[in-house]
Amino acid sequence: MSITLYGIKACDTMKKARTWLEEHKVDYAFHDYKAVGIDREHLQQWCSEHGWESVLNRAGTTFRKLSDADKSDLDQAKAVELMAAQPSMIKRPVLDLGSKTLLGFKPEKYAAAFE
């Protein structure tokens, strides 16, 4: 099974997820979508699986700094474009297990995924 952890290197939640994976000896690849970007295909897949409302991080500074026009009339297509343009707006981490993804970091969800 190929596992990829998507996120931003400096994020505290990402650090917790990476520490959990390393402590549990889980081999994974790390994809820093702030450094190398993310394609719309992944964003569409995550939005289909979790709902764009869950994938779009509205609590973050990047989203809050958007103009009112950019924040209004949001739908999946607009959310995907915003996240592709500014990956900091993607909820993190996204742990791709191949057959499914986990959004955010909860130790109990990670533990259940690797039972």
PDB file of N, CA and C in Angstrom:
ATOM      1  N   MET A   1       0.851  -1.188   0.000  1.00  0.00           N
ATOM      2  CA  MET A   1       0.000   0.000   0.000  1.00  0.00           C
ATOM      3  C   MET A   1       0.887   1.239   0.000  1.00  0.00           C
ATOM      4  N   SER A   2       0.645   2.141  -0.933  1.00  0.00           N
ATOM      5  CA  SER A   2       1.390   3.385  -1.030  1.00  0.00           C
ATOM      6  C   SER A   2       0.608   4.478  -0.294  1.00  0.00           C
ATOM      7  N   ILE A   3       1.252   5.115   0.667  1.00  0.00           N
ATOM      8  CA  ILE A   3       0.598   6.117   1.500  1.00  0.00           C
ATOM      9  C   ILE A   3       1.271   7.460   1.253  1.00  0.00           C
ATOM     10  N   THR A   4       0.450   8.497   1.044  1.00  0.00           N
ATOM     11  CA  THR A   4       0.972   9.838   0.846  1.00  0.00           C
ATOM     12  C   THR A   4       0.293  10.778   1.824  1.00  0.00           C
ATOM     13  N   LEU A   5       1.094  11.594   2.475  1.00  0.00           N
ATOM     14  CA  LEU A   5       0.601  12.622   3.381  1.00  0.00           C
ATOM     15  C   LEU A   5       0.738  13.961   2.671  1.00  0.00           C
ATOM     16  N   TYR A   6      -0.390  14.627   2.468  1.00  0.00           N
ATOM     17  CA  TYR A   6      -0.415  15.920   1.793  1.00  0.00           C
ATOM     18  C   TYR A   6      -0.589  17.021   2.827  1.00  0.00           C
ATOM     19  N   GLY A   7       0.162  18.098   2.652  1.00  0.00           N
ATOM     20  CA  GLY A   7       0.011  19.225   3.557  1.00  0.00           C
ATOM     21  C   GLY A   7       1.115  20.240   3.372  1.00  0.00           C
ATOM     22  N   ILE A   8       1.374  20.976   4.458  1.00  0.00           N
ATOM     23  CA  ILE A   8       2.368  22.037   4.483  1.00  0.00           C
ATOM     24  C   ILE A   8       3.370  21.711   5.576  1.00  0.00           C
ATOM     25  N   LYS A   9       4.626  21.777   5.247  1.00  0.00           N
ATOM     26  CA  LYS A   9       5.682  21.343   6.156  1.00  0.00           C
ATOM     27  C   LYS A   9       5.632  22.023   7.533  1.00  0.00           C
ATOM     28  N   ALA A  10       5.409  23.314   7.594  1.00  0.00           N
ATOM     29  CA  ALA A  10       5.524  24.062   8.846  1.00  0.00           C
ATOM     30  C   ALA A  10       4.272  24.031   9.726  1.00  0.00           C
ATOM     31  N   CYS A  11       3.210  23.423   9.275  1.00  0.00           N
ATOM     32  CA  CYS A  11       1.944  23.404  10.016  1.00  0.00           C
ATOM     33  C   CYS A  11       2.048  22.513  11.266  1.00  0.00           C
ATOM     34  N   ASP A  12       1.566  23.007  12.407  1.00  0.00           N
ATOM     35  CA  ASP A  12       1.620  22.238  13.661  1.00  0.00           C
ATOM     36  C   ASP A  12       0.835  20.935  13.572  1.00  0.00           C
ATOM     37  N   THR A  13      -0.332  20.960  12.946  1.00  0.00           N
ATOM     38  CA  THR A  13      -1.133  19.737  12.813  1.00  0.00           C
ATOM     39  C   THR A  13      -0.409  18.723  11.940  1.00  0.00           C
ATOM     40  N   MET A  14       0.266  19.216  10.928  1.00  0.00           N
ATOM     41  CA  MET A  14       1.050  18.335  10.071  1.00  0.00           C
ATOM     42  C   MET A  14       2.162  17.666  10.878  1.00  0.00           C
ATOM     43  N   LYS A  15       2.807  18.430  11.740  1.00  0.00           N
ATOM     44  CA  LYS A  15       3.886  17.882  12.564  1.00  0.00           C
ATOM     45  C   LYS A  15       3.359  16.767  13.458  1.00  0.00           C
ATOM     46  N   LYS A  16       2.162  16.941  13.999  1.00  0.00           N
ATOM     47  CA  LYS A  16       1.555  15.900  14.834  1.00  0.00           C
ATOM     48  C   LYS A  16       1.281  14.640  14.014  1.00  0.00           C
ATOM     49  N   ALA A  17       0.759  14.820  12.822  1.00  0.00           N
ATOM     50  CA  ALA A  17       0.461  13.673  11.957  1.00  0.00           C
ATOM     51  C   ALA A  17       1.744  12.950  11.561  1.00  0.00           C
ATOM     52  N   ARG A  18       2.757  13.690  11.193  1.00  0.00           N
ATOM     53  CA  ARG A  18       4.027  13.078  10.793  1.00  0.00           C
ATOM     54  C   ARG A  18       4.653  12.328  11.963  1.00  0.00           C
ATOM     55  N   THR A  19       4.602  12.920  13.153  1.00  0.00           N
ATOM     56  CA  THR A  19       5.139  12.262  14.346  1.00  0.00           C
ATOM     57  C   THR A  19       4.390  10.965  14.614  1.00  0.00           C
ATOM     58  N   TRP A  20       3.052  11.000  14.502  1.00  0.00           N
ATOM     59  CA  TRP A  20       2.251   9.794  14.744  1.00  0.00           C
ATOM     60  C   TRP A  20       2.659   8.703  13.759  1.00  0.00           C
ATOM     61  N   LEU A  21       2.755   9.037  12.487  1.00  0.00           N
ATOM     62  CA  LEU A  21       3.110   8.049  11.466  1.00  0.00           C
ATOM     63  C   LEU A  21       4.502   7.467  11.725  1.00  0.00           C
ATOM     64  N   GLU A  22       5.443   8.320  12.077  1.00  0.00           N
ATOM     65  CA  GLU A  22       6.805   7.849  12.327  1.00  0.00           C
ATOM     66  C   GLU A  22       6.871   6.974  13.578  1.00  0.00           C
ATOM     67  N   GLU A  23       6.158   7.371  14.650  1.00  0.00           N
ATOM     68  CA  GLU A  23       6.147   6.571  15.876  1.00  0.00           C
ATOM     69  C   GLU A  23       5.515   5.203  15.666  1.00  0.00           C
ATOM     70  N   HIS A  24       4.582   5.126  14.707  1.00  0.00           N
ATOM     71  CA  HIS A  24       3.904   3.855  14.414  1.00  0.00           C
ATOM     72  C   HIS A  24       4.540   3.139  13.222  1.00  0.00           C
ATOM     73  N   LYS A  25       5.717   3.598  12.833  1.00  0.00           N
ATOM     74  CA  LYS A  25       6.513   2.967  11.771  1.00  0.00           C
ATOM     75  C   LYS A  25       5.730   2.780  10.459  1.00  0.00           C
ATOM     76  N   VAL A  26       4.990   3.808  10.096  1.00  0.00           N
ATOM     77  CA  VAL A  26       4.236   3.803   8.840  1.00  0.00           C
ATOM     78  C   VAL A  26       5.088   4.502   7.778  1.00  0.00           C
ATOM     79  N   ASP A  27       5.390   3.782   6.715  1.00  0.00           N
ATOM     80  CA  ASP A  27       6.120   4.377   5.596  1.00  0.00           C
ATOM     81  C   ASP A  27       5.165   5.232   4.774  1.00  0.00           C
ATOM     82  N   TYR A  28       5.584   6.446   4.481  1.00  0.00           N
ATOM     83  CA  TYR A  28       4.729   7.341   3.697  1.00  0.00           C
ATOM     84  C   TYR A  28       5.595   8.312   2.913  1.00  0.00           C
ATOM     85  N   ALA A  29       5.016   8.839   1.850  1.00  0.00           N
ATOM     86  CA  ALA A  29       5.639   9.918   1.089  1.00  0.00           C
ATOM     87  C   ALA A  29       4.980  11.213   1.537  1.00  0.00           C
ATOM     88  N   PHE A  30       5.742  12.284   1.603  1.00  0.00           N
ATOM     89  CA  PHE A  30       5.181  13.579   1.978  1.00  0.00           C
ATOM     90  C   PHE A  30       5.109  14.478   0.753  1.00  0.00           C
ATOM     91  N   HIS A  31       3.931  15.067   0.533  1.00  0.00           N
ATOM     92  CA  HIS A  31       3.721  15.990  -0.586  1.00  0.00           C
ATOM     93  C   HIS A  31       3.391  17.354   0.008  1.00  0.00           C
ATOM     94  N   ASP A  32       4.322  18.280  -0.101  1.00  0.00           N
ATOM     95  CA  ASP A  32       4.113  19.640   0.408  1.00  0.00           C
ATOM     96  C   ASP A  32       3.416  20.448  -0.677  1.00  0.00           C
ATOM     97  N   TYR A  33       2.108  20.615  -0.546  1.00  0.00           N
ATOM     98  CA  TYR A  33       1.389  21.276  -1.629  1.00  0.00           C
ATOM     99  C   TYR A  33       1.561  22.783  -1.623  1.00  0.00           C
ATOM    100  N   LYS A  34       2.183  23.321  -0.619  1.00  0.00           N
ATOM    101  CA  LYS A  34       2.516  24.741  -0.683  1.00  0.00           C
ATOM    102  C   LYS A  34       3.782  24.928  -1.530  1.00  0.00           C
ATOM    103  N   ALA A  35       4.706  23.974  -1.424  1.00  0.00           N
ATOM    104  CA  ALA A  35       5.964  24.067  -2.177  1.00  0.00           C
ATOM    105  C   ALA A  35       5.814  23.607  -3.622  1.00  0.00           C
ATOM    106  N   VAL A  36       5.072  22.508  -3.854  1.00  0.00           N
ATOM    107  CA  VAL A  36       5.001  21.945  -5.207  1.00  0.00           C
ATOM    108  C   VAL A  36       3.606  22.006  -5.826  1.00  0.00           C
ATOM    109  N   GLY A  37       2.633  22.536  -5.091  1.00  0.00           N
ATOM    110  CA  GLY A  37       1.291  22.678  -5.632  1.00  0.00           C
ATOM    111  C   GLY A  37       0.486  21.389  -5.539  1.00  0.00           C
ATOM    112  N   ILE A  38      -0.722  21.467  -6.028  1.00  0.00           N
ATOM    113  CA  ILE A  38      -1.630  20.317  -6.037  1.00  0.00           C
ATOM    114  C   ILE A  38      -2.498  20.430  -7.284  1.00  0.00           C
ATOM    115  N   ASP A  39      -2.760  19.300  -7.903  1.00  0.00           N
ATOM    116  CA  ASP A  39      -3.555  19.346  -9.126  1.00  0.00           C
ATOM    117  C   ASP A  39      -5.050  19.310  -8.806  1.00  0.00           C
ATOM    118  N   ARG A  40      -5.825  19.803  -9.751  1.00  0.00           N
ATOM    119  CA  ARG A  40      -7.273  19.874  -9.571  1.00  0.00           C
ATOM    120  C   ARG A  40      -7.904  18.487  -9.426  1.00  0.00           C
ATOM    121  N   GLU A  41      -7.277  17.485 -10.047  1.00  0.00           N
ATOM    122  CA  GLU A  41      -7.804  16.118  -9.962  1.00  0.00           C
ATOM    123  C   GLU A  41      -7.846  15.639  -8.505  1.00  0.00           C
ATOM    124  N   HIS A  42      -6.763  15.869  -7.771  1.00  0.00           N
ATOM    125  CA  HIS A  42      -6.756  15.491  -6.350  1.00  0.00           C
ATOM    126  C   HIS A  42      -7.812  16.281  -5.576  1.00  0.00           C
ATOM    127  N   LEU A  43      -7.880  17.580  -5.827  1.00  0.00           N
ATOM    128  CA  LEU A  43      -8.863  18.414  -5.121  1.00  0.00           C
ATOM    129  C   LEU A  43     -10.286  17.942  -5.405  1.00  0.00           C
ATOM    130  N   GLN A  44     -10.570  17.628  -6.658  1.00  0.00           N
ATOM    131  CA  GLN A  44     -11.906  17.129  -7.026  1.00  0.00           C
ATOM    132  C   GLN A  44     -12.202  15.818  -6.303  1.00  0.00           C
ATOM    133  N   GLN A  45     -11.216  14.928  -6.273  1.00  0.00           N
ATOM    134  CA  GLN A  45     -11.395  13.633  -5.616  1.00  0.00           C
ATOM    135  C   GLN A  45     -11.683  13.826  -4.128  1.00  0.00           C
ATOM    136  N   TRP A  46     -10.900  14.686  -3.466  1.00  0.00           N
ATOM    137  CA  TRP A  46     -11.108  14.920  -2.032  1.00  0.00           C
ATOM    138  C   TRP A  46     -12.459  15.559  -1.766  1.00  0.00           C
ATOM    139  N   CYS A  47     -12.862  16.485  -2.627  1.00  0.00           N
ATOM    140  CA  CYS A  47     -14.166  17.138  -2.471  1.00  0.00           C
ATOM    141  C   CYS A  47     -15.301  16.138  -2.679  1.00  0.00           C
ATOM    142  N   SER A  48     -15.142  15.228  -3.620  1.00  0.00           N
ATOM    143  CA  SER A  48     -16.156  14.199  -3.850  1.00  0.00           C
ATOM    144  C   SER A  48     -16.265  13.268  -2.648  1.00  0.00           C
ATOM    145  N   GLU A  49     -15.132  12.948  -2.046  1.00  0.00           N
ATOM    146  CA  GLU A  49     -15.117  12.026  -0.910  1.00  0.00           C
ATOM    147  C   GLU A  49     -15.597  12.671   0.385  1.00  0.00           C
ATOM    148  N   HIS A  50     -15.190  13.910   0.629  1.00  0.00           N
ATOM    149  CA  HIS A  50     -15.457  14.544   1.925  1.00  0.00           C
ATOM    150  C   HIS A  50     -16.416  15.725   1.856  1.00  0.00           C
ATOM    151  N   GLY A  51     -16.692  16.227   0.656  1.00  0.00           N
ATOM    152  CA  GLY A  51     -17.480  17.453   0.508  1.00  0.00           C
ATOM    153  C   GLY A  51     -16.545  18.652   0.496  1.00  0.00           C
ATOM    154  N   TRP A  52     -16.751  19.557  -0.450  1.00  0.00           N
ATOM    155  CA  TRP A  52     -15.834  20.697  -0.572  1.00  0.00           C
ATOM    156  C   TRP A  52     -15.840  21.563   0.675  1.00  0.00           C
ATOM    157  N   GLU A  53     -16.962  21.577   1.397  1.00  0.00           N
ATOM    158  CA  GLU A  53     -17.057  22.390   2.611  1.00  0.00           C
ATOM    159  C   GLU A  53     -16.067  21.914   3.675  1.00  0.00           C
ATOM    160  N   SER A  54     -15.754  20.613   3.672  1.00  0.00           N
ATOM    161  CA  SER A  54     -14.796  20.061   4.630  1.00  0.00           C
ATOM    162  C   SER A  54     -13.355  20.245   4.164  1.00  0.00           C
ATOM    163  N   VAL A  55     -13.139  20.216   2.867  1.00  0.00           N
ATOM    164  CA  VAL A  55     -11.786  20.319   2.324  1.00  0.00           C
ATOM    165  C   VAL A  55     -11.282  21.756   2.359  1.00  0.00           C
ATOM    166  N   LEU A  56     -12.169  22.706   2.154  1.00  0.00           N
ATOM    167  CA  LEU A  56     -11.793  24.125   2.171  1.00  0.00           C
ATOM    168  C   LEU A  56     -11.644  24.593   3.617  1.00  0.00           C
ATOM    169  N   ASN A  57     -10.457  25.075   3.953  1.00  0.00           N
ATOM    170  CA  ASN A  57     -10.174  25.545   5.308  1.00  0.00           C
ATOM    171  C   ASN A  57     -10.577  27.014   5.427  1.00  0.00           C
ATOM    172  N   ARG A  58     -11.789  27.241   5.898  1.00  0.00           N
ATOM    173  CA  ARG A  58     -12.282  28.612   6.036  1.00  0.00           C
ATOM    174  C   ARG A  58     -11.750  29.308   7.282  1.00  0.00           C
ATOM    175  N   ALA A  59     -11.201  28.540   8.214  1.00  0.00           N
ATOM    176  CA  ALA A  59     -10.714  29.117   9.474  1.00  0.00           C
ATOM    177  C   ALA A  59      -9.328  29.746   9.325  1.00  0.00           C
ATOM    178  N   GLY A  60      -8.626  29.400   8.271  1.00  0.00           N
ATOM    179  CA  GLY A  60      -7.258  29.878   8.104  1.00  0.00           C
ATOM    180  C   GLY A  60      -7.163  31.326   7.659  1.00  0.00           C
ATOM    181  N   THR A  61      -6.005  31.889   7.883  1.00  0.00           N
ATOM    182  CA  THR A  61      -5.735  33.280   7.535  1.00  0.00           C
ATOM    183  C   THR A  61      -5.889  33.528   6.041  1.00  0.00           C
ATOM    184  N   THR A  62      -5.428  32.604   5.221  1.00  0.00           N
ATOM    185  CA  THR A  62      -5.480  32.793   3.767  1.00  0.00           C
ATOM    186  C   THR A  62      -6.911  32.996   3.301  1.00  0.00           C
ATOM    187  N   PHE A  63      -7.833  32.159   3.799  1.00  0.00           N
ATOM    188  CA  PHE A  63      -9.234  32.305   3.398  1.00  0.00           C
ATOM    189  C   PHE A  63      -9.813  33.614   3.930  1.00  0.00           C
ATOM    190  N   ARG A  64      -9.529  33.921   5.173  1.00  0.00           N
ATOM    191  CA  ARG A  64     -10.097  35.130   5.781  1.00  0.00           C
ATOM    192  C   ARG A  64      -9.634  36.403   5.092  1.00  0.00           C
ATOM    193  N   LYS A  65      -8.448  36.359   4.468  1.00  0.00           N
ATOM    194  CA  LYS A  65      -7.922  37.538   3.769  1.00  0.00           C
ATOM    195  C   LYS A  65      -8.508  37.728   2.373  1.00  0.00           C
ATOM    196  N   LEU A  66      -9.274  36.753   1.899  1.00  0.00           N
ATOM    197  CA  LEU A  66      -9.886  36.877   0.569  1.00  0.00           C
ATOM    198  C   LEU A  66     -10.872  38.038   0.532  1.00  0.00           C
ATOM    199  N   SER A  67     -11.079  38.558  -0.650  1.00  0.00           N
ATOM    200  CA  SER A  67     -12.096  39.601  -0.820  1.00  0.00           C
ATOM    201  C   SER A  67     -13.485  38.995  -0.598  1.00  0.00           C
ATOM    202  N   ASP A  68     -14.433  39.843  -0.272  1.00  0.00           N
ATOM    203  CA  ASP A  68     -15.805  39.369  -0.082  1.00  0.00           C
ATOM    204  C   ASP A  68     -16.329  38.718  -1.361  1.00  0.00           C
ATOM    205  N   ALA A  69     -15.917  39.236  -2.516  1.00  0.00           N
ATOM    206  CA  ALA A  69     -16.362  38.666  -3.793  1.00  0.00           C
ATOM    207  C   ALA A  69     -15.870  37.229  -3.937  1.00  0.00           C
ATOM    208  N   ASP A  70     -14.615  36.976  -3.531  1.00  0.00           N
ATOM    209  CA  ASP A  70     -14.075  35.620  -3.631  1.00  0.00           C
ATOM    210  C   ASP A  70     -14.753  34.678  -2.639  1.00  0.00           C
ATOM    211  N   LYS A  71     -15.173  35.212  -1.495  1.00  0.00           N
ATOM    212  CA  LYS A  71     -15.802  34.370  -0.472  1.00  0.00           C
ATOM    213  C   LYS A  71     -17.289  34.126  -0.735  1.00  0.00           C
ATOM    214  N   SER A  72     -17.888  34.913  -1.605  1.00  0.00           N
ATOM    215  CA  SER A  72     -19.329  34.775  -1.836  1.00  0.00           C
ATOM    216  C   SER A  72     -19.629  33.750  -2.922  1.00  0.00           C
ATOM    217  N   ASP A  73     -20.842  33.235  -2.879  1.00  0.00           N
ATOM    218  CA  ASP A  73     -21.330  32.285  -3.891  1.00  0.00           C
ATOM    219  C   ASP A  73     -20.393  31.094  -4.084  1.00  0.00           C
ATOM    220  N   LEU A  74     -19.879  30.567  -2.980  1.00  0.00           N
ATOM    221  CA  LEU A  74     -18.982  29.417  -3.077  1.00  0.00           C
ATOM    222  C   LEU A  74     -19.729  28.160  -3.477  1.00  0.00           C
ATOM    223  N   ASP A  75     -19.133  27.404  -4.358  1.00  0.00           N
ATOM    224  CA  ASP A  75     -19.593  26.071  -4.705  1.00  0.00           C
ATOM    225  C   ASP A  75     -18.327  25.242  -4.906  1.00  0.00           C
ATOM    226  N   GLN A  76     -18.473  23.989  -5.261  1.00  0.00           N
ATOM    227  CA  GLN A  76     -17.295  23.127  -5.379  1.00  0.00           C
ATOM    228  C   GLN A  76     -16.324  23.637  -6.433  1.00  0.00           C
ATOM    229  N   ALA A  77     -16.821  24.045  -7.582  1.00  0.00           N
ATOM    230  CA  ALA A  77     -15.931  24.505  -8.654  1.00  0.00           C
ATOM    231  C   ALA A  77     -15.116  25.714  -8.209  1.00  0.00           C
ATOM    232  N   LYS A  78     -15.765  26.667  -7.558  1.00  0.00           N
ATOM    233  CA  LYS A  78     -15.060  27.870  -7.104  1.00  0.00           C
ATOM    234  C   LYS A  78     -14.079  27.526  -5.982  1.00  0.00           C
ATOM    235  N   ALA A  79     -14.488  26.649  -5.087  1.00  0.00           N
ATOM    236  CA  ALA A  79     -13.616  26.239  -3.982  1.00  0.00           C
ATOM    237  C   ALA A  79     -12.364  25.544  -4.520  1.00  0.00           C
ATOM    238  N   VAL A  80     -12.524  24.665  -5.505  1.00  0.00           N
ATOM    239  CA  VAL A  80     -11.373  23.966  -6.100  1.00  0.00           C
ATOM    240  C   VAL A  80     -10.417  24.973  -6.729  1.00  0.00           C
ATOM    241  N   GLU A  81     -10.946  25.962  -7.437  1.00  0.00           N
ATOM    242  CA  GLU A  81     -10.088  26.976  -8.054  1.00  0.00           C
ATOM    243  C   GLU A  81      -9.327  27.770  -6.992  1.00  0.00           C
ATOM    244  N   LEU A  82     -10.014  28.149  -5.914  1.00  0.00           N
ATOM    245  CA  LEU A  82      -9.347  28.888  -4.830  1.00  0.00           C
ATOM    246  C   LEU A  82      -8.236  28.051  -4.202  1.00  0.00           C
ATOM    247  N   MET A  83      -8.526  26.766  -3.923  1.00  0.00           N
ATOM    248  CA  MET A  83      -7.532  25.898  -3.285  1.00  0.00           C
ATOM    249  C   MET A  83      -6.366  25.602  -4.215  1.00  0.00           C
ATOM    250  N   ALA A  84      -6.628  25.465  -5.515  1.00  0.00           N
ATOM    251  CA  ALA A  84      -5.547  25.222  -6.474  1.00  0.00           C
ATOM    252  C   ALA A  84      -4.625  26.443  -6.554  1.00  0.00           C
ATOM    253  N   ALA A  85      -5.223  27.625  -6.497  1.00  0.00           N
ATOM    254  CA  ALA A  85      -4.443  28.858  -6.583  1.00  0.00           C
ATOM    255  C   ALA A  85      -3.676  29.131  -5.288  1.00  0.00           C
ATOM    256  N   GLN A  86      -4.280  28.770  -4.148  1.00  0.00           N
ATOM    257  CA  GLN A  86      -3.662  29.023  -2.843  1.00  0.00           C
ATOM    258  C   GLN A  86      -3.829  27.789  -1.963  1.00  0.00           C
ATOM    259  N   PRO A  87      -2.923  26.833  -2.076  1.00  0.00           N
ATOM    260  CA  PRO A  87      -3.054  25.560  -1.351  1.00  0.00           C
ATOM    261  C   PRO A  87      -3.136  25.695   0.172  1.00  0.00           C
ATOM    262  N   SER A  88      -2.765  26.839   0.714  1.00  0.00           N
ATOM    263  CA  SER A  88      -2.900  27.038   2.162  1.00  0.00           C
ATOM    264  C   SER A  88      -4.358  26.943   2.599  1.00  0.00           C
ATOM    265  N   MET A  89      -5.273  27.056   1.657  1.00  0.00           N
ATOM    266  CA  MET A  89      -6.706  26.976   1.985  1.00  0.00           C
ATOM    267  C   MET A  89      -7.216  25.545   2.062  1.00  0.00           C
ATOM    268  N   ILE A  90      -6.355  24.565   1.843  1.00  0.00           N
ATOM    269  CA  ILE A  90      -6.782  23.161   1.921  1.00  0.00           C
ATOM    270  C   ILE A  90      -6.645  22.689   3.356  1.00  0.00           C
ATOM    271  N   LYS A  91      -7.693  22.062   3.865  1.00  0.00           N
ATOM    272  CA  LYS A  91      -7.628  21.455   5.195  1.00  0.00           C
ATOM    273  C   LYS A  91      -6.464  20.482   5.211  1.00  0.00           C
ATOM    274  N   ARG A  92      -5.773  20.436   6.327  1.00  0.00           N
ATOM    275  CA  ARG A  92      -4.632  19.538   6.397  1.00  0.00           C
ATOM    276  C   ARG A  92      -4.566  18.831   7.728  1.00  0.00           C
ATOM    277  N   PRO A  93      -3.885  17.715   7.687  1.00  0.00           N
ATOM    278  CA  PRO A  93      -3.344  17.015   6.534  1.00  0.00           C
ATOM    279  C   PRO A  93      -4.410  16.229   5.790  1.00  0.00           C
ATOM    280  N   VAL A  94      -4.047  15.791   4.597  1.00  0.00           N
ATOM    281  CA  VAL A  94      -4.825  14.805   3.855  1.00  0.00           C
ATOM    282  C   VAL A  94      -3.926  13.569   3.765  1.00  0.00           C
ATOM    283  N   LEU A  95      -4.401  12.476   4.334  1.00  0.00           N
ATOM    284  CA  LEU A  95      -3.637  11.225   4.307  1.00  0.00           C
ATOM    285  C   LEU A  95      -4.288  10.306   3.291  1.00  0.00           C
ATOM    286  N   ASP A  96      -3.578  10.058   2.195  1.00  0.00           N
ATOM    287  CA  ASP A  96      -4.087   9.209   1.117  1.00  0.00           C
ATOM    288  C   ASP A  96      -3.640   7.778   1.361  1.00  0.00           C
ATOM    289  N   LEU A  97      -4.616   6.913   1.653  1.00  0.00           N
ATOM    290  CA  LEU A  97      -4.351   5.505   1.934  1.00  0.00           C
ATOM    291  C   LEU A  97      -4.523   4.627   0.701  1.00  0.00           C
ATOM    292  N   GLY A  98      -4.815   5.234  -0.427  1.00  0.00           N
ATOM    293  CA  GLY A  98      -5.041   4.484  -1.658  1.00  0.00           C
ATOM    294  C   GLY A  98      -6.516   4.257  -1.903  1.00  0.00           C
ATOM    295  N   SER A  99      -7.181   3.547  -0.991  1.00  0.00           N
ATOM    296  CA  SER A  99      -8.609   3.266  -1.156  1.00  0.00           C
ATOM    297  C   SER A  99      -9.491   4.370  -0.581  1.00  0.00           C
ATOM    298  N   LYS A 100      -8.911   5.205   0.273  1.00  0.00           N
ATOM    299  CA  LYS A 100      -9.654   6.322   0.864  1.00  0.00           C
ATOM    300  C   LYS A 100      -8.652   7.341   1.392  1.00  0.00           C
ATOM    301  N   THR A 101      -9.179   8.500   1.784  1.00  0.00           N
ATOM    302  CA  THR A 101      -8.335   9.522   2.397  1.00  0.00           C
ATOM    303  C   THR A 101      -8.902   9.899   3.757  1.00  0.00           C
ATOM    304  N   LEU A 102      -8.009  10.323   4.633  1.00  0.00           N
ATOM    305  CA  LEU A 102      -8.406  10.879   5.926  1.00  0.00           C
ATOM    306  C   LEU A 102      -8.112  12.368   5.867  1.00  0.00           C
ATOM    307  N   LEU A 103      -9.051  13.166   6.355  1.00  0.00           N
ATOM    308  CA  LEU A 103      -8.934  14.617   6.314  1.00  0.00           C
ATOM    309  C   LEU A 103      -8.753  15.131   7.737  1.00  0.00           C
ATOM    310  N   GLY A 104      -7.703  15.907   7.972  1.00  0.00           N
ATOM    311  CA  GLY A 104      -7.401  16.379   9.315  1.00  0.00           C
ATOM    312  C   GLY A 104      -6.640  15.300  10.077  1.00  0.00           C
ATOM    313  N   PHE A 105      -6.242  15.618  11.298  1.00  0.00           N
ATOM    314  CA  PHE A 105      -5.511  14.641  12.099  1.00  0.00           C
ATOM    315  C   PHE A 105      -6.225  14.376  13.417  1.00  0.00           C
ATOM    316  N   LYS A 106      -6.622  13.132  13.600  1.00  0.00           N
ATOM    317  CA  LYS A 106      -7.173  12.628  14.856  1.00  0.00           C
ATOM    318  C   LYS A 106      -6.455  11.305  15.110  1.00  0.00           C
ATOM    319  N   PRO A 107      -5.694  11.185  16.209  1.00  0.00           N
ATOM    320  CA  PRO A 107      -4.942   9.955  16.463  1.00  0.00           C
ATOM    321  C   PRO A 107      -5.801   8.699  16.398  1.00  0.00           C
ATOM    322  N   GLU A 108      -7.039   8.779  16.899  1.00  0.00           N
ATOM    323  CA  GLU A 108      -7.902   7.592  16.888  1.00  0.00           C
ATOM    324  C   GLU A 108      -8.300   7.177  15.474  1.00  0.00           C
ATOM    325  N   LYS A 109      -8.468   8.139  14.573  1.00  0.00           N
ATOM    326  CA  LYS A 109      -8.794   7.800  13.185  1.00  0.00           C
ATOM    327  C   LYS A 109      -7.589   7.174  12.479  1.00  0.00           C
ATOM    328  N   TYR A 110      -6.412   7.702  12.766  1.00  0.00           N
ATOM    329  CA  TYR A 110      -5.200   7.121  12.195  1.00  0.00           C
ATOM    330  C   TYR A 110      -5.029   5.696  12.712  1.00  0.00           C
ATOM    331  N   ALA A 111      -5.204   5.514  14.003  1.00  0.00           N
ATOM    332  CA  ALA A 111      -5.053   4.168  14.601  1.00  0.00           C
ATOM    333  C   ALA A 111      -6.020   3.181  13.956  1.00  0.00           C
ATOM    334  N   ALA A 112      -7.276   3.589  13.782  1.00  0.00           N
ATOM    335  CA  ALA A 112      -8.285   2.713  13.170  1.00  0.00           C
ATOM    336  C   ALA A 112      -7.914   2.367  11.730  1.00  0.00           C
ATOM    337  N   ALA A 113      -7.336   3.316  11.012  1.00  0.00           N
ATOM    338  CA  ALA A 113      -6.972   3.085   9.610  1.00  0.00           C
ATOM    339  C   ALA A 113      -5.846   2.073   9.465  1.00  0.00           C
ATOM    340  N   PHE A 114      -5.011   1.944  10.492  1.00  0.00           N
ATOM    341  CA  PHE A 114      -3.856   1.053  10.408  1.00  0.00           C
ATOM    342  C   PHE A 114      -3.981  -0.195  11.278  1.00  0.00           C
ATOM    343  N   GLU A 115      -5.180  -0.509  11.721  1.00  0.00           N
ATOM    344  CA  GLU A 115      -5.392  -1.725  12.529  1.00  0.00           C
ATOM    345  C   GLU A 115      -5.133  -2.962  11.700  1.00  0.00           C
TER     346      GLU A 115
END
